[in-house]
């Protein structure tokens, strides 16, 4: 039996894995390498593979006016991917939460999203959570014009909703946006962790 056929990461692949990944996994299997290091290597490879698949799917479907957690979870479901290793890499238990903006901004960057697109997904999440705005109002951005048109329409809708926020909600959003921007720009500048 081919020993690669027993590798859980390789078994989860749909399509041919890159040669560098196969070589790395084979080498790790035959070396006297501590098991903890092997496990971290496998987790890193799993994260990189999952993110690569999510990125390819994001490039295929473009912008959809959903919160970043809903968007990523929907793509993962469609692809049959588990997000457990990605969550561990981000230091999160789930994609939603008070302190998730910075890790989600890093994920947006890893998925190839521009800052503008990442910010819009985060604005949707915040608006839904804090302002209790139902998704159908935000879904108006699905109207024609492709991804760019959907993004612009969604930004206009969000701007209208945000104009009605009280000062406390605006302050919370400002802090959330700053944390996300710092994380996103940190990855761009090489100051923050990129993909494992």
Foldseek 3Di string as FASTA:
>chain_A
DDPLCVDPLSVPDDDDDDPVVVVVLVVVVPDPDDPVVNVVVSLLVLLLVLLVQLLVVCVVQDAAQAALQVSSVVSCVVVVHDCVSVCVVLVHPGCDDLPNLLSQLLSCVSSVHDLLRSVSNNLRNLCCVPVVDDVVLLNVLVDDDGNVSSSVVSVVSSVVVVVPDDPVSVVSVVVSSVSNVCNNVCVVVVNDDHRD
